[in-house]
Amino acid sequence: MPPALQCERTGAGEDTNVALSDLRLVRDANGLPTDFVWLSCVEGDQTFLVSISRADVDDFAQQKLPRAEQDALVEKNLETLAPIITVKRDRGDLGQQPMPTAHQGW
C-alpha cells in the first residue's frame, strides 16, 4: 500500500481540470515540517505541495530509512505517485496554505 499523501494548494487561482505537471521532490524544504517528504507540482497557474509522512515511507519500505534514502525512494516512485496525487486533487482532498517564501531553487 503506498504512503498516505496530503496535497496542499499554494498561491491563488481558479480550479481547473488541468493535468498536474512537473512533479518533483523538494530538496530544501526550508520552513516546512521535517517529518514529511515534500513534493511540488503545477496545475495551470497553481503550485501544489504534496506531503508524505516519513513514517509512511518507512512503513512502505518495511524498514527505518535515513532521510536521504526516504527522499530517494519517493523520487524513484514519482510516476507511481502522480496518479494518486491526481485522484486526491480530483476528489477535492486538498488543504490550502500560503507558499513559504524561503523555497527557491526547486
Foldseek 3Di string as FASTA:
>chain_A
DAFDKAKAKADDDDDDLFAKDDWAWQPDPPPDDPQWTWIWIDGVPIIMIMTTGLVRLCVVVVHRDDPVVSRVVCRVCVVVCRVVVSVCVVVVRHHYDYDDPVRDDD
